[in-house]
Amino acid sequence: MIEIPIDRLNEDTLTAIIEEYITRESTEYGAREYTLEEKIHQVRSQLKTGQAVILFDEPTESCVIVPRSQLKVK
């Protein structure tokens, strides 16, 4: 998998990747319900601070967002 720096993506593409991640993962954000816009903002913030990263899988030609803490260091 290849890490994709978020500054290499245009805003529409980045938002589409984040939206796809949120809807696919059915991510829970705690006791209260969050709007899609709030969830997008939270994930975007995690990407900007480096807490999460976007990885591109060449064989499937798909992107995933994962917490940086889950990456294996070689």
PDB file of N, CA and C in Angstrom:
ATOM      1  N   MET A   1       0.835  -1.178   0.000  1.00  0.00           N
ATOM      2  CA  MET A   1       0.000   0.000   0.000  1.00  0.00           C
ATOM      3  C   MET A   1       0.880   1.242   0.000  1.00  0.00           C
ATOM      4  N   ILE A   2       0.378   2.263  -0.629  1.00  0.00           N
ATOM      5  CA  ILE A   2       1.117   3.508  -0.770  1.00  0.00           C
ATOM      6  C   ILE A   2       0.384   4.598   0.011  1.00  0.00           C
ATOM      7  N   GLU A   3       1.110   5.317   0.872  1.00  0.00           N
ATOM      8  CA  GLU A   3       0.505   6.428   1.601  1.00  0.00           C
ATOM      9  C   GLU A   3       0.349   7.616   0.656  1.00  0.00           C
ATOM     10  N   ILE A   4      -0.842   8.195   0.650  1.00  0.00           N
ATOM     11  CA  ILE A   4      -1.137   9.352  -0.200  1.00  0.00           C
ATOM     12  C   ILE A   4      -1.167  10.607   0.674  1.00  0.00           C
ATOM     13  N   PRO A   5      -0.235  11.532   0.485  1.00  0.00           N
ATOM     14  CA  PRO A   5      -0.282  12.785   1.252  1.00  0.00           C
ATOM     15  C   PRO A   5      -1.542  13.575   0.886  1.00  0.00           C
ATOM     16  N   ILE A   6      -2.235  14.088   1.887  1.00  0.00           N
ATOM     17  CA  ILE A   6      -3.499  14.771   1.592  1.00  0.00           C
ATOM     18  C   ILE A   6      -3.300  16.052   0.797  1.00  0.00           C
ATOM     19  N   ASP A   7      -2.115  16.638   0.872  1.00  0.00           N
ATOM     20  CA  ASP A   7      -1.884  17.856   0.092  1.00  0.00           C
ATOM     21  C   ASP A   7      -1.711  17.573  -1.404  1.00  0.00           C
ATOM     22  N   ARG A   8      -1.667  16.299  -1.780  1.00  0.00           N
ATOM     23  CA  ARG A   8      -1.581  15.913  -3.195  1.00  0.00           C
ATOM     24  C   ARG A   8      -2.969  15.731  -3.817  1.00  0.00           C
ATOM     25  N   LEU A   9      -4.014  15.781  -2.980  1.00  0.00           N
ATOM     26  CA  LEU A   9      -5.376  15.561  -3.457  1.00  0.00           C
ATOM     27  C   LEU A   9      -6.125  16.885  -3.523  1.00  0.00           C
ATOM     28  N   ASN A  10      -6.955  17.044  -4.557  1.00  0.00           N
ATOM     29  CA  ASN A  10      -7.786  18.243  -4.566  1.00  0.00           C
ATOM     30  C   ASN A  10      -8.895  18.054  -3.540  1.00  0.00           C
ATOM     31  N   GLU A  11      -9.528  19.129  -3.128  1.00  0.00           N
ATOM     32  CA  GLU A  11     -10.513  19.099  -2.049  1.00  0.00           C
ATOM     33  C   GLU A  11     -11.692  18.171  -2.336  1.00  0.00           C
ATOM     34  N   ASP A  12     -12.179  18.162  -3.582  1.00  0.00           N
ATOM     35  CA  ASP A  12     -13.309  17.304  -3.928  1.00  0.00           C
ATOM     36  C   ASP A  12     -12.948  15.826  -3.794  1.00  0.00           C
ATOM     37  N   THR A  13     -11.756  15.469  -4.236  1.00  0.00           N
ATOM     38  CA  THR A  13     -11.312  14.077  -4.138  1.00  0.00           C
ATOM     39  C   THR A  13     -11.134  13.676  -2.684  1.00  0.00           C
ATOM     40  N   LEU A  14     -10.504  14.536  -1.891  1.00  0.00           N
ATOM     41  CA  LEU A  14     -10.302  14.255  -0.479  1.00  0.00           C
ATOM     42  C   LEU A  14     -11.645  14.073   0.224  1.00  0.00           C
ATOM     43  N   THR A  15     -12.585  14.958  -0.046  1.00  0.00           N
ATOM     44  CA  THR A  15     -13.908  14.859   0.570  1.00  0.00           C
ATOM     45  C   THR A  15     -14.600  13.569   0.156  1.00  0.00           C
ATOM     46  N   ALA A  16     -14.492  13.184  -1.100  1.00  0.00           N
ATOM     47  CA  ALA A  16     -15.116  11.936  -1.576  1.00  0.00           C
ATOM     48  C   ALA A  16     -14.511  10.718  -0.882  1.00  0.00           C
ATOM     49  N   ILE A  17     -13.198  10.701  -0.695  1.00  0.00           N
ATOM     50  CA  ILE A  17     -12.539   9.587  -0.004  1.00  0.00           C
ATOM     51  C   ILE A  17     -13.023   9.522   1.445  1.00  0.00           C
ATOM     52  N   ILE A  18     -13.094  10.672   2.107  1.00  0.00           N
ATOM     53  CA  ILE A  18     -13.541  10.712   3.496  1.00  0.00           C
ATOM     54  C   ILE A  18     -14.998  10.262   3.607  1.00  0.00           C
ATOM     55  N   GLU A  19     -15.865  10.761   2.714  1.00  0.00           N
ATOM     56  CA  GLU A  19     -17.282  10.370   2.740  1.00  0.00           C
ATOM     57  C   GLU A  19     -17.436   8.867   2.535  1.00  0.00           C
ATOM     58  N   GLU A  20     -16.680   8.319   1.600  1.00  0.00           N
ATOM     59  CA  GLU A  20     -16.764   6.883   1.331  1.00  0.00           C
ATOM     60  C   GLU A  20     -16.320   6.099   2.553  1.00  0.00           C
ATOM     61  N   TYR A  21     -15.274   6.549   3.207  1.00  0.00           N
ATOM     62  CA  TYR A  21     -14.786   5.898   4.420  1.00  0.00           C
ATOM     63  C   TYR A  21     -15.851   5.929   5.516  1.00  0.00           C
ATOM     64  N   ILE A  22     -16.436   7.085   5.736  1.00  0.00           N
ATOM     65  CA  ILE A  22     -17.435   7.243   6.795  1.00  0.00           C
ATOM     66  C   ILE A  22     -18.643   6.347   6.541  1.00  0.00           C
ATOM     67  N   THR A  23     -19.141   6.334   5.311  1.00  0.00           N
ATOM     68  CA  THR A  23     -20.342   5.543   5.032  1.00  0.00           C
ATOM     69  C   THR A  23     -20.033   4.048   5.000  1.00  0.00           C
ATOM     70  N   ARG A  24     -18.852   3.676   4.572  1.00  0.00           N
ATOM     71  CA  ARG A  24     -18.474   2.255   4.535  1.00  0.00           C
ATOM     72  C   ARG A  24     -18.224   1.716   5.928  1.00  0.00           C
ATOM     73  N   GLU A  25     -17.551   2.487   6.741  1.00  0.00           N
ATOM     74  CA  GLU A  25     -17.175   2.036   8.076  1.00  0.00           C
ATOM     75  C   GLU A  25     -18.298   2.182   9.092  1.00  0.00           C
ATOM     76  N   SER A  26     -19.353   2.918   8.766  1.00  0.00           N
ATOM     77  CA  SER A  26     -20.427   3.202   9.727  1.00  0.00           C
ATOM     78  C   SER A  26     -19.824   3.632  11.052  1.00  0.00           C
ATOM     79  N   THR A  27     -18.900   4.549  10.950  1.00  0.00           N
ATOM     80  CA  THR A  27     -18.114   4.975  12.095  1.00  0.00           C
ATOM     81  C   THR A  27     -18.990   5.571  13.188  1.00  0.00           C
ATOM     82  N   GLU A  28     -18.801   5.099  14.412  1.00  0.00           N
ATOM     83  CA  GLU A  28     -19.498   5.630  15.577  1.00  0.00           C
ATOM     84  C   GLU A  28     -18.592   6.660  16.239  1.00  0.00           C
ATOM     85  N   TYR A  29     -19.168   7.762  16.666  1.00  0.00           N
ATOM     86  CA  TYR A  29     -18.391   8.848  17.243  1.00  0.00           C
ATOM     87  C   TYR A  29     -18.787   9.147  18.684  1.00  0.00           C
ATOM     88  N   GLY A  30     -19.363   8.180  19.380  1.00  0.00           N
ATOM     89  CA  GLY A  30     -19.696   8.394  20.784  1.00  0.00           C
ATOM     90  C   GLY A  30     -21.186   8.400  21.039  1.00  0.00           C
ATOM     91  N   ALA A  31     -21.561   9.012  22.157  1.00  0.00           N
ATOM     92  CA  ALA A  31     -22.949   8.971  22.623  1.00  0.00           C
ATOM     93  C   ALA A  31     -23.895   9.825  21.789  1.00  0.00           C
ATOM     94  N   ARG A  32     -23.402  10.867  21.168  1.00  0.00           N
ATOM     95  CA  ARG A  32     -24.292  11.742  20.406  1.00  0.00           C
ATOM     96  C   ARG A  32     -24.166  11.479  18.919  1.00  0.00           C
ATOM     97  N   GLU A  33     -25.211  11.788  18.203  1.00  0.00           N
ATOM     98  CA  GLU A  33     -25.209  11.657  16.748  1.00  0.00           C
ATOM     99  C   GLU A  33     -24.497  12.856  16.131  1.00  0.00           C
ATOM    100  N   TYR A  34     -23.681  12.605  15.128  1.00  0.00           N
ATOM    101  CA  TYR A  34     -22.994  13.678  14.407  1.00  0.00           C
ATOM    102  C   TYR A  34     -23.500  13.711  12.976  1.00  0.00           C
ATOM    103  N   THR A  35     -23.532  14.905  12.405  1.00  0.00           N
ATOM    104  CA  THR A  35     -23.921  15.037  11.008  1.00  0.00           C
ATOM    105  C   THR A  35     -22.783  14.558  10.125  1.00  0.00           C
ATOM    106  N   LEU A  36     -23.083  14.311   8.864  1.00  0.00           N
ATOM    107  CA  LEU A  36     -22.044  13.915   7.921  1.00  0.00           C
ATOM    108  C   LEU A  36     -20.957  14.984   7.857  1.00  0.00           C
ATOM    109  N   GLU A  37     -21.347  16.246   7.872  1.00  0.00           N
ATOM    110  CA  GLU A  37     -20.377  17.332   7.801  1.00  0.00           C
ATOM    111  C   GLU A  37     -19.452  17.327   9.019  1.00  0.00           C
ATOM    112  N   GLU A  38     -20.012  17.048  10.202  1.00  0.00           N
ATOM    113  CA  GLU A  38     -19.189  16.988  11.406  1.00  0.00           C
ATOM    114  C   GLU A  38     -18.208  15.819  11.339  1.00  0.00           C
ATOM    115  N   LYS A  39     -18.673  14.687  10.851  1.00  0.00           N
ATOM    116  CA  LYS A  39     -17.808  13.517  10.716  1.00  0.00           C
ATOM    117  C   LYS A  39     -16.684  13.791   9.715  1.00  0.00           C
ATOM    118  N   ILE A  40     -17.029  14.430   8.600  1.00  0.00           N
ATOM    119  CA  ILE A  40     -16.018  14.787   7.592  1.00  0.00           C
ATOM    120  C   ILE A  40     -14.967  15.690   8.229  1.00  0.00           C
ATOM    121  N   HIS A  41     -15.412  16.675   8.986  1.00  0.00           N
ATOM    122  CA  HIS A  41     -14.488  17.598   9.646  1.00  0.00           C
ATOM    123  C   HIS A  41     -13.566  16.846  10.609  1.00  0.00           C
ATOM    124  N   GLN A  42     -14.112  15.917  11.386  1.00  0.00           N
ATOM    125  CA  GLN A  42     -13.306  15.153  12.344  1.00  0.00           C
ATOM    126  C   GLN A  42     -12.242  14.312  11.642  1.00  0.00           C
ATOM    127  N   VAL A  43     -12.637  13.612  10.583  1.00  0.00           N
ATOM    128  CA  VAL A  43     -11.678  12.768   9.858  1.00  0.00           C
ATOM    129  C   VAL A  43     -10.640  13.643   9.156  1.00  0.00           C
ATOM    130  N   ARG A  44     -11.079  14.737   8.551  1.00  0.00           N
ATOM    131  CA  ARG A  44     -10.146  15.645   7.878  1.00  0.00           C
ATOM    132  C   ARG A  44      -9.115  16.180   8.886  1.00  0.00           C
ATOM    133  N   SER A  45      -9.564  16.508  10.089  1.00  0.00           N
ATOM    134  CA  SER A  45      -8.647  16.992  11.127  1.00  0.00           C
ATOM    135  C   SER A  45      -7.634  15.923  11.501  1.00  0.00           C
ATOM    136  N   GLN A  46      -8.082  14.674  11.619  1.00  0.00           N
ATOM    137  CA  GLN A  46      -7.165  13.580  11.936  1.00  0.00           C
ATOM    138  C   GLN A  46      -6.134  13.385  10.823  1.00  0.00           C
ATOM    139  N   LEU A  47      -6.550  13.561   9.583  1.00  0.00           N
ATOM    140  CA  LEU A  47      -5.624  13.449   8.458  1.00  0.00           C
ATOM    141  C   LEU A  47      -4.615  14.595   8.471  1.00  0.00           C
ATOM    142  N   LYS A  48      -5.084  15.806   8.763  1.00  0.00           N
ATOM    143  CA  LYS A  48      -4.193  16.966   8.764  1.00  0.00           C
ATOM    144  C   LYS A  48      -3.166  16.897   9.875  1.00  0.00           C
ATOM    145  N   THR A  49      -3.547  16.341  11.021  1.00  0.00           N
ATOM    146  CA  THR A  49      -2.608  16.257  12.147  1.00  0.00           C
ATOM    147  C   THR A  49      -1.720  15.019  12.072  1.00  0.00           C
ATOM    148  N   GLY A  50      -2.026  14.130  11.126  1.00  0.00           N
ATOM    149  CA  GLY A  50      -1.221  12.927  10.975  1.00  0.00           C
ATOM    150  C   GLY A  50      -1.671  11.769  11.844  1.00  0.00           C
ATOM    151  N   GLN A  51      -2.776  11.934  12.564  1.00  0.00           N
ATOM    152  CA  GLN A  51      -3.298  10.838  13.378  1.00  0.00           C
ATOM    153  C   GLN A  51      -3.841   9.711  12.508  1.00  0.00           C
ATOM    154  N   ALA A  52      -4.259  10.052  11.290  1.00  0.00           N
ATOM    155  CA  ALA A  52      -4.767   9.075  10.330  1.00  0.00           C
ATOM    156  C   ALA A  52      -4.097   9.327   8.991  1.00  0.00           C
ATOM    157  N   VAL A  53      -4.068   8.301   8.148  1.00  0.00           N
ATOM    158  CA  VAL A  53      -3.455   8.424   6.826  1.00  0.00           C
ATOM    159  C   VAL A  53      -4.352   7.769   5.777  1.00  0.00           C
ATOM    160  N   ILE A  54      -4.180   8.198   4.540  1.00  0.00           N
ATOM    161  CA  ILE A  54      -4.864   7.584   3.414  1.00  0.00           C
ATOM    162  C   ILE A  54      -3.869   6.655   2.738  1.00  0.00           C
ATOM    163  N   LEU A  55      -4.280   5.410   2.541  1.00  0.00           N
ATOM    164  CA  LEU A  55      -3.453   4.438   1.848  1.00  0.00           C
ATOM    165  C   LEU A  55      -4.148   4.018   0.561  1.00  0.00           C
ATOM    166  N   PHE A  56      -3.363   3.886  -0.518  1.00  0.00           N
ATOM    167  CA  PHE A  56      -3.882   3.433  -1.810  1.00  0.00           C
ATOM    168  C   PHE A  56      -3.408   2.010  -2.035  1.00  0.00           C
ATOM    169  N   ASP A  57      -4.356   1.127  -2.325  1.00  0.00           N
ATOM    170  CA  ASP A  57      -4.053  -0.275  -2.605  1.00  0.00           C
ATOM    171  C   ASP A  57      -4.075  -0.465  -4.119  1.00  0.00           C
ATOM    172  N   GLU A  58      -2.900  -0.681  -4.705  1.00  0.00           N
ATOM    173  CA  GLU A  58      -2.799  -0.788  -6.164  1.00  0.00           C
ATOM    174  C   GLU A  58      -3.607  -1.941  -6.753  1.00  0.00           C
ATOM    175  N   PRO A  59      -3.547  -3.154  -6.175  1.00  0.00           N
ATOM    176  CA  PRO A  59      -4.302  -4.262  -6.787  1.00  0.00           C
ATOM    177  C   PRO A  59      -5.816  -4.003  -6.880  1.00  0.00           C
ATOM    178  N   THR A  60      -6.376  -3.381  -5.840  1.00  0.00           N
ATOM    179  CA  THR A  60      -7.828  -3.128  -5.857  1.00  0.00           C
ATOM    180  C   THR A  60      -8.175  -1.729  -6.342  1.00  0.00           C
ATOM    181  N   GLU A  61      -7.140  -0.899  -6.526  1.00  0.00           N
ATOM    182  CA  GLU A  61      -7.319   0.498  -6.930  1.00  0.00           C
ATOM    183  C   GLU A  61      -8.315   1.212  -6.019  1.00  0.00           C
ATOM    184  N   SER A  62      -8.117   1.032  -4.710  1.00  0.00           N
ATOM    185  CA  SER A  62      -9.008   1.661  -3.744  1.00  0.00           C
ATOM    186  C   SER A  62      -8.187   2.323  -2.638  1.00  0.00           C
ATOM    187  N   CYS A  63      -8.834   3.251  -1.956  1.00  0.00           N
ATOM    188  CA  CYS A  63      -8.203   3.959  -0.850  1.00  0.00           C
ATOM    189  C   CYS A  63      -8.857   3.556   0.464  1.00  0.00           C
ATOM    190  N   VAL A  64      -8.052   3.547   1.508  1.00  0.00           N
ATOM    191  CA  VAL A  64      -8.552   3.331   2.855  1.00  0.00           C
ATOM    192  C   VAL A  64      -7.940   4.386   3.766  1.00  0.00           C
ATOM    193  N   ILE A  65      -8.661   4.703   4.827  1.00  0.00           N
ATOM    194  CA  ILE A  65      -8.147   5.613   5.846  1.00  0.00           C
ATOM    195  C   ILE A  65      -7.926   4.770   7.093  1.00  0.00           C
ATOM    196  N   VAL A  66      -6.727   4.877   7.648  1.00  0.00           N
ATOM    197  CA  VAL A  66      -6.400   4.106   8.849  1.00  0.00           C
ATOM    198  C   VAL A  66      -5.704   5.007   9.864  1.00  0.00           C
ATOM    199  N   PRO A  67      -5.876   4.699  11.143  1.00  0.00           N
ATOM    200  CA  PRO A  67      -5.109   5.433  12.150  1.00  0.00           C
ATOM    201  C   PRO A  67      -3.623   5.144  11.959  1.00  0.00           C
ATOM    202  N   ARG A  68      -2.805   6.168  12.089  1.00  0.00           N
ATOM    203  CA  ARG A  68      -1.358   5.982  11.922  1.00  0.00           C
ATOM    204  C   ARG A  68      -0.840   4.931  12.900  1.00  0.00           C
ATOM    205  N   SER A  69      -1.460   4.839  14.067  1.00  0.00           N
ATOM    206  CA  SER A  69      -1.007   3.877  15.081  1.00  0.00           C
ATOM    207  C   SER A  69      -1.169   2.421  14.615  1.00  0.00           C
ATOM    208  N   GLN A  70      -1.981   2.180  13.593  1.00  0.00           N
ATOM    209  CA  GLN A  70      -2.174   0.824  13.090  1.00  0.00           C
ATOM    210  C   GLN A  70      -1.167   0.447  12.003  1.00  0.00           C
ATOM    211  N   LEU A  71      -0.366   1.400  11.560  1.00  0.00           N
ATOM    212  CA  LEU A  71       0.628   1.095  10.532  1.00  0.00           C
ATOM    213  C   LEU A  71       1.780   0.331  11.159  1.00  0.00           C
ATOM    214  N   LYS A  72       2.230  -0.687  10.447  1.00  0.00           N
ATOM    215  CA  LYS A  72       3.371  -1.459  10.917  1.00  0.00           C
ATOM    216  C   LYS A  72       4.643  -0.769  10.452  1.00  0.00           C
ATOM    217  N   VAL A  73       5.559  -0.595  11.354  1.00  0.00           N
ATOM    218  CA  VAL A  73       6.850   0.014  11.034  1.00  0.00           C
ATOM    219  C   VAL A  73       7.803  -1.106  10.640  1.00  0.00           C
ATOM    220  N   LYS A  74       8.444  -0.934   9.477  1.00  0.00           N
ATOM    221  CA  LYS A  74       9.376  -1.951   8.995  1.00  0.00           C
ATOM    222  C   LYS A  74      10.793  -1.528   9.260  1.00  0.00           C
TER     223      LYS A  74
END
